[in-house]
Amino acid sequence: MIVLLLVAVATAWVAVRGRLAQSHLRIAQTQLGQLERELSAGRGMSVARLRQTTNEVIRETAAARRLTGGLVFALAARVPLVGCPVHTTRLMAVAVNDFAAVGLPAIATVGEALLPAGTPGVRPSLVSRLIGVRGSIDTARAAVGQFRQEAGRTSACGAIGRLVGIEKAVTEAVRLSEALARTAQMLDLASGLLRR
């Protein structure tokens, strides 16, 4: 009887924390999607807004990572049938948080170099601005590649994934991965300009 009670409590604990983590990931993905749309549409964005969004995404993904960590979550990921969504939620939380912590600040630094700022009429050339952020370009490219590789390892978990909603989260991760691929192409272009 006590064993069943412990299993029930652990199951509820994992389910609640998993849902909370998915909620944090959805918020972060929404913010990233909005950021990507604004930047790709060429809309003006302030450096402060870029940094604020970056910091918000880092906070949300760190919260998701914390919620999916620990021994009980790791053990639940190994349970047949229900372990797949648990494992996928953890994998996505880690992948998105790693990208947010490393890649987003680098992309923000590159974005700051490209956004209009400073004294009107006194602005270094695009190439000189990109040279100043060459390390950030390389860091961002590596972070995008790492995230895309990690996102490719996630699973929609079949029928159980549809039941618990993980399938939609995996679809969102793939969409984010595709948006980041476009970002990587822009970073490759910037890197190519620096080689000339």
N, C-alpha and C. Protein backbone atom coordinates (compact mmCIF):
# COMPACT_ATOMS: atom_id res chain seq x y z
N MET A 1 0.81 -1.19 0.00
CA MET A 1 0.00 0.00 0.00
C MET A 1 0.86 1.27 0.00
N ILE A 2 1.89 1.28 0.84
CA ILE A 2 2.78 2.44 0.92
C ILE A 2 3.52 2.62 -0.41
N VAL A 3 3.91 1.52 -1.02
CA VAL A 3 4.62 1.59 -2.30
C VAL A 3 3.72 2.22 -3.36
N LEU A 4 2.46 1.81 -3.41
CA LEU A 4 1.52 2.39 -4.38
C LEU A 4 1.32 3.88 -4.13
N LEU A 5 1.25 4.24 -2.86
CA LEU A 5 1.09 5.65 -2.52
C LEU A 5 2.32 6.45 -2.98
N LEU A 6 3.51 5.92 -2.74
CA LEU A 6 4.74 6.60 -3.18
C LEU A 6 4.79 6.72 -4.70
N VAL A 7 4.39 5.68 -5.41
CA VAL A 7 4.37 5.72 -6.88
C VAL A 7 3.37 6.77 -7.35
N ALA A 8 2.20 6.84 -6.72
CA ALA A 8 1.18 7.82 -7.09
C ALA A 8 1.69 9.25 -6.85
N VAL A 9 2.32 9.47 -5.72
CA VAL A 9 2.86 10.80 -5.40
C VAL A 9 3.97 11.17 -6.38
N ALA A 10 4.87 10.25 -6.66
CA ALA A 10 5.96 10.51 -7.61
C ALA A 10 5.41 10.80 -9.00
N THR A 11 4.40 10.05 -9.42
CA THR A 11 3.79 10.26 -10.73
C THR A 11 3.16 11.64 -10.81
N ALA A 12 2.43 12.02 -9.80
CA ALA A 12 1.80 13.35 -9.78
C ALA A 12 2.87 14.44 -9.78
N TRP A 13 3.93 14.24 -9.01
CA TRP A 13 5.02 15.21 -8.92
C TRP A 13 5.66 15.41 -10.30
N VAL A 14 5.95 14.31 -10.98
CA VAL A 14 6.56 14.38 -12.32
C VAL A 14 5.60 15.05 -13.31
N ALA A 15 4.32 14.68 -13.25
CA ALA A 15 3.34 15.25 -14.18
C ALA A 15 3.20 16.76 -14.00
N VAL A 16 3.10 17.19 -12.77
CA VAL A 16 2.95 18.63 -12.51
C VAL A 16 4.20 19.38 -12.93
N ARG A 17 5.35 18.89 -12.54
CA ARG A 17 6.60 19.56 -12.92
C ARG A 17 6.81 19.53 -14.43
N GLY A 18 6.44 18.45 -15.07
CA GLY A 18 6.56 18.36 -16.53
C GLY A 18 5.68 19.38 -17.23
N ARG A 19 4.45 19.51 -16.75
CA ARG A 19 3.53 20.51 -17.33
C ARG A 19 4.04 21.93 -17.09
N LEU A 20 4.54 22.19 -15.90
CA LEU A 20 5.11 23.52 -15.63
C LEU A 20 6.30 23.80 -16.53
N ALA A 21 7.16 22.79 -16.72
CA ALA A 21 8.31 22.96 -17.60
C ALA A 21 7.86 23.23 -19.03
N GLN A 22 6.86 22.49 -19.50
CA GLN A 22 6.35 22.73 -20.85
C GLN A 22 5.79 24.14 -20.98
N SER A 23 5.15 24.63 -19.93
CA SER A 23 4.62 25.99 -19.95
C SER A 23 5.75 27.01 -20.09
N HIS A 24 6.82 26.83 -19.33
CA HIS A 24 7.97 27.74 -19.44
C HIS A 24 8.59 27.66 -20.83
N LEU A 25 8.68 26.46 -21.39
CA LEU A 25 9.24 26.30 -22.73
C LEU A 25 8.36 26.96 -23.78
N ARG A 26 7.04 26.87 -23.64
CA ARG A 26 6.13 27.52 -24.59
C ARG A 26 6.30 29.04 -24.54
N ILE A 27 6.44 29.58 -23.35
CA ILE A 27 6.65 31.03 -23.21
C ILE A 27 7.95 31.42 -23.91
N ALA A 28 9.01 30.66 -23.66
CA ALA A 28 10.30 30.96 -24.28
C ALA A 28 10.21 30.83 -25.80
N GLN A 29 9.54 29.79 -26.29
CA GLN A 29 9.42 29.60 -27.73
C GLN A 29 8.61 30.72 -28.37
N THR A 30 7.58 31.17 -27.67
CA THR A 30 6.79 32.29 -28.19
C THR A 30 7.65 33.54 -28.29
N GLN A 31 8.43 33.81 -27.25
CA GLN A 31 9.31 34.98 -27.26
C GLN A 31 10.35 34.88 -28.37
N LEU A 32 10.93 33.68 -28.53
CA LEU A 32 11.92 33.49 -29.59
C LEU A 32 11.29 33.66 -30.97
N GLY A 33 10.09 33.13 -31.14
CA GLY A 33 9.41 33.27 -32.43
C GLY A 33 9.10 34.72 -32.74
N GLN A 34 8.65 35.46 -31.73
CA GLN A 34 8.35 36.87 -31.92
C GLN A 34 9.62 37.64 -32.25
N LEU A 35 10.69 37.35 -31.55
CA LEU A 35 11.97 37.99 -31.81
C LEU A 35 12.43 37.70 -33.23
N GLU A 36 12.34 36.44 -33.64
CA GLU A 36 12.77 36.04 -34.99
C GLU A 36 11.93 36.75 -36.04
N ARG A 37 10.62 36.84 -35.84
CA ARG A 37 9.74 37.51 -36.81
C ARG A 37 10.07 39.00 -36.92
N GLU A 38 10.30 39.63 -35.78
CA GLU A 38 10.62 41.07 -35.79
C GLU A 38 11.93 41.32 -36.50
N LEU A 39 12.93 40.50 -36.20
CA LEU A 39 14.24 40.72 -36.82
C LEU A 39 14.22 40.39 -38.31
N SER A 40 13.54 39.30 -38.70
CA SER A 40 13.53 38.92 -40.11
C SER A 40 12.66 39.85 -40.94
N ALA A 41 11.68 40.53 -40.32
CA ALA A 41 10.84 41.48 -41.04
C ALA A 41 11.53 42.82 -41.20
N GLY A 42 12.70 42.95 -40.56
CA GLY A 42 13.45 44.20 -40.67
C GLY A 42 12.88 45.33 -39.84
N ARG A 43 11.99 45.01 -38.91
CA ARG A 43 11.44 46.04 -38.05
C ARG A 43 12.51 46.54 -37.09
N GLY A 44 12.42 47.80 -36.79
CA GLY A 44 13.37 48.35 -35.85
C GLY A 44 13.16 47.76 -34.46
N MET A 45 14.23 47.45 -33.80
CA MET A 45 14.15 46.92 -32.45
C MET A 45 15.28 47.56 -31.66
N SER A 46 14.96 48.01 -30.49
CA SER A 46 15.99 48.65 -29.69
C SER A 46 16.91 47.58 -29.10
N VAL A 47 18.12 48.00 -28.81
CA VAL A 47 19.09 47.12 -28.16
C VAL A 47 18.54 46.69 -26.80
N ALA A 48 17.89 47.60 -26.09
CA ALA A 48 17.32 47.27 -24.78
C ALA A 48 16.26 46.19 -24.91
N ARG A 49 15.40 46.27 -25.92
CA ARG A 49 14.36 45.25 -26.14
C ARG A 49 14.98 43.91 -26.50
N LEU A 50 16.02 43.94 -27.30
CA LEU A 50 16.72 42.71 -27.68
C LEU A 50 17.31 42.05 -26.44
N ARG A 51 17.98 42.80 -25.61
CA ARG A 51 18.57 42.25 -24.38
C ARG A 51 17.49 41.78 -23.40
N GLN A 52 16.40 42.54 -23.29
CA GLN A 52 15.32 42.16 -22.38
C GLN A 52 14.72 40.82 -22.80
N THR A 53 14.44 40.65 -24.09
CA THR A 53 13.88 39.39 -24.58
C THR A 53 14.86 38.26 -24.34
N THR A 54 16.14 38.49 -24.60
CA THR A 54 17.16 37.48 -24.37
C THR A 54 17.16 37.04 -22.91
N ASN A 55 17.13 37.99 -22.00
CA ASN A 55 17.13 37.66 -20.56
C ASN A 55 15.87 36.92 -20.14
N GLU A 56 14.72 37.31 -20.71
CA GLU A 56 13.46 36.62 -20.39
C GLU A 56 13.50 35.16 -20.85
N VAL A 57 14.00 34.94 -22.06
CA VAL A 57 14.09 33.57 -22.59
C VAL A 57 15.03 32.74 -21.72
N ILE A 58 16.16 33.30 -21.33
CA ILE A 58 17.10 32.58 -20.47
C ILE A 58 16.43 32.20 -19.15
N ARG A 59 15.68 33.13 -18.54
CA ARG A 59 14.98 32.84 -17.28
C ARG A 59 13.96 31.71 -17.45
N GLU A 60 13.16 31.79 -18.51
CA GLU A 60 12.12 30.77 -18.74
C GLU A 60 12.73 29.39 -18.98
N THR A 61 13.77 29.34 -19.79
CA THR A 61 14.37 28.03 -20.10
C THR A 61 15.11 27.46 -18.90
N ALA A 62 15.71 28.33 -18.10
CA ALA A 62 16.38 27.85 -16.88
C ALA A 62 15.35 27.27 -15.90
N ALA A 63 14.18 27.90 -15.83
CA ALA A 63 13.12 27.38 -14.96
C ALA A 63 12.65 26.01 -15.45
N ALA A 64 12.50 25.84 -16.76
CA ALA A 64 12.10 24.55 -17.31
C ALA A 64 13.15 23.49 -17.03
N ARG A 65 14.40 23.88 -17.14
CA ARG A 65 15.48 22.92 -16.87
C ARG A 65 15.49 22.49 -15.41
N ARG A 66 15.32 23.45 -14.50
CA ARG A 66 15.27 23.11 -13.07
C ARG A 66 14.11 22.17 -12.76
N LEU A 67 12.96 22.44 -13.36
CA LEU A 67 11.77 21.63 -13.11
C LEU A 67 11.93 20.18 -13.59
N THR A 68 12.74 19.97 -14.61
CA THR A 68 12.88 18.62 -15.18
C THR A 68 14.15 17.92 -14.70
N GLY A 69 14.83 18.50 -13.75
CA GLY A 69 16.04 17.88 -13.22
C GLY A 69 15.72 17.00 -12.03
N GLY A 70 16.71 16.31 -11.56
CA GLY A 70 16.55 15.53 -10.35
C GLY A 70 16.35 14.05 -10.59
N LEU A 71 16.49 13.31 -9.52
CA LEU A 71 16.45 11.86 -9.57
C LEU A 71 15.08 11.31 -9.95
N VAL A 72 14.01 11.85 -9.38
CA VAL A 72 12.68 11.33 -9.67
C VAL A 72 12.35 11.50 -11.15
N PHE A 73 12.67 12.65 -11.72
CA PHE A 73 12.42 12.89 -13.13
C PHE A 73 13.26 11.94 -13.99
N ALA A 74 14.52 11.75 -13.61
CA ALA A 74 15.39 10.83 -14.36
C ALA A 74 14.87 9.40 -14.31
N LEU A 75 14.39 8.96 -13.16
CA LEU A 75 13.82 7.62 -13.05
C LEU A 75 12.53 7.48 -13.85
N ALA A 76 11.70 8.51 -13.82
CA ALA A 76 10.44 8.48 -14.58
C ALA A 76 10.70 8.39 -16.08
N ALA A 77 11.80 8.95 -16.53
CA ALA A 77 12.14 8.90 -17.96
C ALA A 77 12.45 7.48 -18.43
N ARG A 78 12.73 6.60 -17.49
CA ARG A 78 13.06 5.21 -17.83
C ARG A 78 11.87 4.25 -17.74
N VAL A 79 10.71 4.76 -17.30
CA VAL A 79 9.53 3.91 -17.17
C VAL A 79 8.96 3.64 -18.57
N PRO A 80 8.68 2.38 -18.89
CA PRO A 80 8.12 2.08 -20.21
C PRO A 80 6.82 2.85 -20.46
N LEU A 81 6.61 3.23 -21.68
CA LEU A 81 5.43 3.93 -22.17
C LEU A 81 5.41 5.41 -21.77
N VAL A 82 5.37 5.71 -20.49
CA VAL A 82 5.29 7.11 -20.06
C VAL A 82 6.66 7.79 -19.99
N GLY A 83 7.72 7.02 -20.06
CA GLY A 83 9.06 7.60 -19.96
C GLY A 83 9.44 8.46 -21.14
N CYS A 84 8.91 8.16 -22.32
CA CYS A 84 9.27 8.92 -23.52
C CYS A 84 8.92 10.40 -23.40
N PRO A 85 7.68 10.77 -23.05
CA PRO A 85 7.38 12.20 -22.91
C PRO A 85 8.20 12.87 -21.81
N VAL A 86 8.47 12.15 -20.75
CA VAL A 86 9.28 12.71 -19.66
C VAL A 86 10.70 12.98 -20.17
N HIS A 87 11.27 12.00 -20.86
CA HIS A 87 12.62 12.15 -21.40
C HIS A 87 12.67 13.28 -22.43
N THR A 88 11.67 13.35 -23.31
CA THR A 88 11.65 14.39 -24.34
C THR A 88 11.51 15.77 -23.72
N THR A 89 10.68 15.91 -22.69
CA THR A 89 10.53 17.20 -22.02
C THR A 89 11.87 17.63 -21.41
N ARG A 90 12.56 16.70 -20.77
CA ARG A 90 13.87 17.01 -20.18
C ARG A 90 14.87 17.38 -21.26
N LEU A 91 14.91 16.60 -22.34
CA LEU A 91 15.85 16.86 -23.43
C LEU A 91 15.61 18.24 -24.04
N MET A 92 14.34 18.59 -24.24
CA MET A 92 14.03 19.90 -24.82
C MET A 92 14.40 21.02 -23.85
N ALA A 93 14.12 20.83 -22.57
CA ALA A 93 14.45 21.86 -21.58
C ALA A 93 15.95 22.12 -21.56
N VAL A 94 16.74 21.07 -21.58
CA VAL A 94 18.20 21.23 -21.56
C VAL A 94 18.68 21.88 -22.86
N ALA A 95 18.18 21.41 -24.00
CA ALA A 95 18.63 21.93 -25.29
C ALA A 95 18.29 23.41 -25.45
N VAL A 96 17.06 23.78 -25.12
CA VAL A 96 16.66 25.18 -25.28
C VAL A 96 17.39 26.06 -24.28
N ASN A 97 17.59 25.57 -23.05
CA ASN A 97 18.31 26.36 -22.06
C ASN A 97 19.78 26.54 -22.44
N ASP A 98 20.41 25.47 -22.92
CA ASP A 98 21.80 25.60 -23.37
C ASP A 98 21.91 26.62 -24.50
N PHE A 99 20.98 26.55 -25.46
CA PHE A 99 21.00 27.52 -26.55
C PHE A 99 20.78 28.94 -26.02
N ALA A 100 19.78 29.08 -25.15
CA ALA A 100 19.46 30.41 -24.62
C ALA A 100 20.63 31.01 -23.85
N ALA A 101 21.30 30.18 -23.06
CA ALA A 101 22.39 30.69 -22.22
C ALA A 101 23.64 31.06 -23.03
N VAL A 102 23.89 30.35 -24.13
CA VAL A 102 25.11 30.59 -24.91
C VAL A 102 24.81 31.32 -26.21
N GLY A 103 23.85 30.81 -26.97
CA GLY A 103 23.59 31.34 -28.30
C GLY A 103 22.89 32.68 -28.31
N LEU A 104 21.87 32.85 -27.47
CA LEU A 104 21.12 34.10 -27.49
C LEU A 104 21.96 35.32 -27.13
N PRO A 105 22.78 35.26 -26.08
CA PRO A 105 23.61 36.44 -25.82
C PRO A 105 24.55 36.76 -26.99
N ALA A 106 25.05 35.73 -27.65
CA ALA A 106 25.92 35.96 -28.82
C ALA A 106 25.13 36.58 -29.96
N ILE A 107 23.92 36.08 -30.20
CA ILE A 107 23.07 36.65 -31.26
C ILE A 107 22.69 38.09 -30.91
N ALA A 108 22.42 38.33 -29.63
CA ALA A 108 22.09 39.70 -29.20
C ALA A 108 23.28 40.63 -29.43
N THR A 109 24.48 40.15 -29.18
CA THR A 109 25.67 40.97 -29.42
C THR A 109 25.81 41.30 -30.90
N VAL A 110 25.58 40.30 -31.75
CA VAL A 110 25.62 40.54 -33.20
C VAL A 110 24.51 41.50 -33.59
N GLY A 111 23.32 41.29 -33.03
CA GLY A 111 22.20 42.17 -33.32
C GLY A 111 22.49 43.61 -32.92
N GLU A 112 23.13 43.78 -31.78
CA GLU A 112 23.49 45.13 -31.33
C GLU A 112 24.43 45.80 -32.32
N ALA A 113 25.32 45.02 -32.91
CA ALA A 113 26.26 45.58 -33.89
C ALA A 113 25.54 46.01 -35.17
N LEU A 114 24.41 45.36 -35.45
CA LEU A 114 23.68 45.66 -36.68
C LEU A 114 22.57 46.69 -36.50
N LEU A 115 22.08 46.85 -35.26
CA LEU A 115 20.99 47.78 -35.01
C LEU A 115 21.49 49.21 -34.99
N PRO A 116 20.65 50.12 -35.48
CA PRO A 116 21.06 51.53 -35.43
C PRO A 116 21.14 52.01 -33.99
N ALA A 117 22.23 52.64 -33.66
CA ALA A 117 22.41 53.17 -32.31
C ALA A 117 23.53 54.21 -32.36
N GLY A 118 23.70 54.87 -31.26
CA GLY A 118 24.80 55.82 -31.17
C GLY A 118 24.44 57.17 -31.79
N THR A 119 25.46 57.96 -32.04
CA THR A 119 25.30 59.30 -32.57
C THR A 119 24.94 59.22 -34.05
N PRO A 120 23.87 59.89 -34.47
CA PRO A 120 23.52 59.87 -35.89
C PRO A 120 24.68 60.39 -36.74
N GLY A 121 24.95 59.72 -37.82
CA GLY A 121 26.01 60.14 -38.73
C GLY A 121 27.38 59.63 -38.33
N VAL A 122 27.54 59.16 -37.09
CA VAL A 122 28.83 58.64 -36.64
C VAL A 122 28.63 57.15 -36.36
N ARG A 123 28.77 56.35 -37.40
CA ARG A 123 28.53 54.91 -37.30
C ARG A 123 29.59 54.20 -38.11
N PRO A 124 30.34 53.29 -37.50
CA PRO A 124 31.35 52.54 -38.26
C PRO A 124 30.68 51.71 -39.36
N SER A 125 31.46 51.32 -40.34
CA SER A 125 30.92 50.53 -41.44
C SER A 125 30.43 49.18 -40.94
N LEU A 126 29.56 48.54 -41.74
CA LEU A 126 29.01 47.24 -41.38
C LEU A 126 30.12 46.23 -41.17
N VAL A 127 31.09 46.21 -42.06
CA VAL A 127 32.18 45.23 -41.95
C VAL A 127 32.97 45.45 -40.67
N SER A 128 33.27 46.70 -40.34
CA SER A 128 34.03 46.93 -39.10
C SER A 128 33.20 46.56 -37.86
N ARG A 129 31.89 46.76 -37.92
CA ARG A 129 31.04 46.35 -36.80
C ARG A 129 31.03 44.83 -36.67
N LEU A 130 30.96 44.13 -37.81
CA LEU A 130 30.96 42.66 -37.78
C LEU A 130 32.31 42.11 -37.32
N ILE A 131 33.39 42.77 -37.71
CA ILE A 131 34.71 42.34 -37.24
C ILE A 131 34.77 42.41 -35.72
N GLY A 132 34.14 43.43 -35.16
CA GLY A 132 34.13 43.60 -33.72
C GLY A 132 33.37 42.50 -32.98
N VAL A 133 32.49 41.79 -33.68
CA VAL A 133 31.69 40.75 -33.03
C VAL A 133 31.95 39.38 -33.65
N ARG A 134 33.11 39.21 -34.27
CA ARG A 134 33.44 37.95 -34.94
C ARG A 134 33.31 36.75 -33.99
N GLY A 135 33.81 36.89 -32.78
CA GLY A 135 33.72 35.79 -31.81
C GLY A 135 32.28 35.44 -31.47
N SER A 136 31.44 36.46 -31.37
CA SER A 136 30.02 36.23 -31.09
C SER A 136 29.34 35.53 -32.26
N ILE A 137 29.74 35.87 -33.48
CA ILE A 137 29.17 35.20 -34.66
C ILE A 137 29.51 33.72 -34.61
N ASP A 138 30.76 33.39 -34.33
CA ASP A 138 31.17 31.99 -34.26
C ASP A 138 30.46 31.25 -33.12
N THR A 139 30.33 31.90 -31.97
CA THR A 139 29.64 31.30 -30.83
C THR A 139 28.17 31.04 -31.16
N ALA A 140 27.52 32.01 -31.78
CA ALA A 140 26.11 31.86 -32.14
C ALA A 140 25.93 30.74 -33.16
N ARG A 141 26.80 30.68 -34.16
CA ARG A 141 26.70 29.61 -35.17
C ARG A 141 26.83 28.24 -34.51
N ALA A 142 27.79 28.10 -33.60
CA ALA A 142 27.99 26.81 -32.92
C ALA A 142 26.78 26.46 -32.05
N ALA A 143 26.22 27.45 -31.35
CA ALA A 143 25.06 27.21 -30.48
C ALA A 143 23.83 26.80 -31.29
N VAL A 144 23.64 27.45 -32.44
CA VAL A 144 22.52 27.08 -33.31
C VAL A 144 22.69 25.65 -33.80
N GLY A 145 23.89 25.29 -34.22
CA GLY A 145 24.15 23.92 -34.68
C GLY A 145 23.92 22.90 -33.59
N GLN A 146 24.37 23.20 -32.39
CA GLN A 146 24.17 22.30 -31.25
C GLN A 146 22.70 22.13 -30.93
N PHE A 147 21.94 23.23 -30.92
CA PHE A 147 20.51 23.13 -30.64
C PHE A 147 19.81 22.29 -31.70
N ARG A 148 20.13 22.52 -32.96
CA ARG A 148 19.48 21.77 -34.03
C ARG A 148 19.78 20.28 -33.90
N GLN A 149 20.99 19.95 -33.51
CA GLN A 149 21.35 18.54 -33.31
C GLN A 149 20.54 17.94 -32.15
N GLU A 150 20.45 18.67 -31.04
CA GLU A 150 19.69 18.19 -29.88
C GLU A 150 18.19 18.09 -30.20
N ALA A 151 17.65 19.07 -30.91
CA ALA A 151 16.23 19.03 -31.27
C ALA A 151 15.93 17.83 -32.17
N GLY A 152 16.89 17.45 -32.98
CA GLY A 152 16.71 16.28 -33.83
C GLY A 152 16.65 14.98 -33.06
N ARG A 153 17.10 14.97 -31.82
CA ARG A 153 17.08 13.76 -30.98
C ARG A 153 15.77 13.60 -30.22
N THR A 154 14.88 14.59 -30.30
CA THR A 154 13.62 14.47 -29.56
C THR A 154 12.66 13.56 -30.29
N SER A 155 11.70 13.05 -29.58
CA SER A 155 10.71 12.14 -30.13
C SER A 155 9.31 12.65 -29.81
N ALA A 156 8.40 12.47 -30.75
CA ALA A 156 7.00 12.86 -30.50
C ALA A 156 6.28 11.82 -29.66
N CYS A 157 6.88 10.67 -29.42
CA CYS A 157 6.38 9.63 -28.50
C CYS A 157 5.07 8.99 -28.91
N GLY A 158 4.72 9.03 -30.18
CA GLY A 158 3.55 8.32 -30.68
C GLY A 158 2.24 8.72 -30.01
N ALA A 159 1.36 7.73 -29.78
CA ALA A 159 0.03 7.99 -29.23
C ALA A 159 0.11 8.60 -27.83
N ILE A 160 1.02 8.12 -27.02
CA ILE A 160 1.15 8.68 -25.66
C ILE A 160 1.60 10.14 -25.74
N GLY A 161 2.43 10.47 -26.74
CA GLY A 161 2.86 11.85 -26.94
C GLY A 161 1.70 12.76 -27.31
N ARG A 162 0.80 12.26 -28.15
CA ARG A 162 -0.39 13.04 -28.50
C ARG A 162 -1.27 13.23 -27.26
N LEU A 163 -1.40 12.19 -26.47
CA LEU A 163 -2.24 12.23 -25.29
C LEU A 163 -1.75 13.27 -24.28
N VAL A 164 -0.46 13.33 -24.04
CA VAL A 164 0.08 14.26 -23.03
C VAL A 164 0.53 15.59 -23.61
N GLY A 165 0.40 15.76 -24.93
CA GLY A 165 0.72 17.05 -25.54
C GLY A 165 2.16 17.26 -25.93
N ILE A 166 2.99 16.22 -25.84
CA ILE A 166 4.41 16.39 -26.16
C ILE A 166 4.62 16.54 -27.67
N GLU A 167 3.72 15.95 -28.46
CA GLU A 167 3.85 16.01 -29.92
C GLU A 167 3.86 17.47 -30.39
N LYS A 168 2.98 18.29 -29.83
CA LYS A 168 2.92 19.71 -30.20
C LYS A 168 4.21 20.42 -29.79
N ALA A 169 4.74 20.09 -28.63
CA ALA A 169 5.98 20.71 -28.17
C ALA A 169 7.15 20.35 -29.08
N VAL A 170 7.19 19.10 -29.54
CA VAL A 170 8.25 18.68 -30.46
C VAL A 170 8.11 19.43 -31.78
N THR A 171 6.87 19.59 -32.25
CA THR A 171 6.63 20.35 -33.49
C THR A 171 7.12 21.78 -33.33
N GLU A 172 6.86 22.38 -32.18
CA GLU A 172 7.35 23.74 -31.90
C GLU A 172 8.87 23.78 -31.89
N ALA A 173 9.49 22.77 -31.32
CA ALA A 173 10.96 22.72 -31.29
C ALA A 173 11.53 22.63 -32.71
N VAL A 174 10.87 21.85 -33.55
CA VAL A 174 11.32 21.74 -34.95
C VAL A 174 11.16 23.09 -35.64
N ARG A 175 10.04 23.76 -35.41
CA ARG A 175 9.82 25.08 -36.01
C ARG A 175 10.88 26.07 -35.52
N LEU A 176 11.19 26.04 -34.24
CA LEU A 176 12.24 26.89 -33.70
C LEU A 176 13.58 26.54 -34.33
N SER A 177 13.84 25.27 -34.51
CA SER A 177 15.08 24.82 -35.13
C SER A 177 15.20 25.37 -36.55
N GLU A 178 14.08 25.37 -37.29
CA GLU A 178 14.09 25.90 -38.65
C GLU A 178 14.34 27.41 -38.65
N ALA A 179 13.74 28.12 -37.69
CA ALA A 179 13.98 29.56 -37.58
C ALA A 179 15.45 29.83 -37.25
N LEU A 180 16.01 28.99 -36.39
CA LEU A 180 17.42 29.16 -36.04
C LEU A 180 18.32 28.81 -37.22
N ALA A 181 17.87 27.92 -38.09
CA ALA A 181 18.64 27.62 -39.30
C ALA A 181 18.74 28.86 -40.17
N ARG A 182 17.64 29.63 -40.25
CA ARG A 182 17.69 30.89 -41.01
C ARG A 182 18.65 31.88 -40.34
N THR A 183 18.63 31.90 -39.01
CA THR A 183 19.57 32.75 -38.28
C THR A 183 21.00 32.33 -38.58
N ALA A 184 21.24 31.02 -38.60
CA ALA A 184 22.58 30.51 -38.90
C ALA A 184 23.01 30.91 -40.30
N GLN A 185 22.08 30.93 -41.25
CA GLN A 185 22.41 31.35 -42.61
C GLN A 185 22.83 32.82 -42.62
N MET A 186 22.12 33.64 -41.84
CA MET A 186 22.51 35.06 -41.75
C MET A 186 23.88 35.19 -41.11
N LEU A 187 24.16 34.37 -40.09
CA LEU A 187 25.47 34.42 -39.44
C LEU A 187 26.55 33.94 -40.39
N ASP A 188 26.24 32.93 -41.21
CA ASP A 188 27.20 32.47 -42.22
C ASP A 188 27.51 33.58 -43.22
N LEU A 189 26.47 34.31 -43.61
CA LEU A 189 26.66 35.43 -44.53
C LEU A 189 27.57 36.48 -43.91
N ALA A 190 27.30 36.81 -42.64
CA ALA A 190 28.13 37.79 -41.94
C ALA A 190 29.57 37.29 -41.83
N SER A 191 29.73 36.02 -41.53
CA SER A 191 31.06 35.44 -41.42
C SER A 191 31.77 35.47 -42.77
N GLY A 192 31.03 35.21 -43.84
CA GLY A 192 31.59 35.27 -45.18
C GLY A 192 32.09 36.67 -45.55
N LEU A 193 31.35 37.68 -45.11
CA LEU A 193 31.77 39.06 -45.36
C LEU A 193 33.12 39.35 -44.69
N LEU A 194 33.34 38.73 -43.55
CA LEU A 194 34.57 38.99 -42.81
C LEU A 194 35.78 38.32 -43.46
N ARG A 195 35.56 37.28 -44.24
CA ARG A 195 36.68 36.58 -44.87
C ARG A 195 37.20 37.29 -46.09
N ARG A 196 36.45 38.22 -46.60
CA ARG A 196 36.86 38.92 -47.83
C ARG A 196 37.93 39.92 -47.57
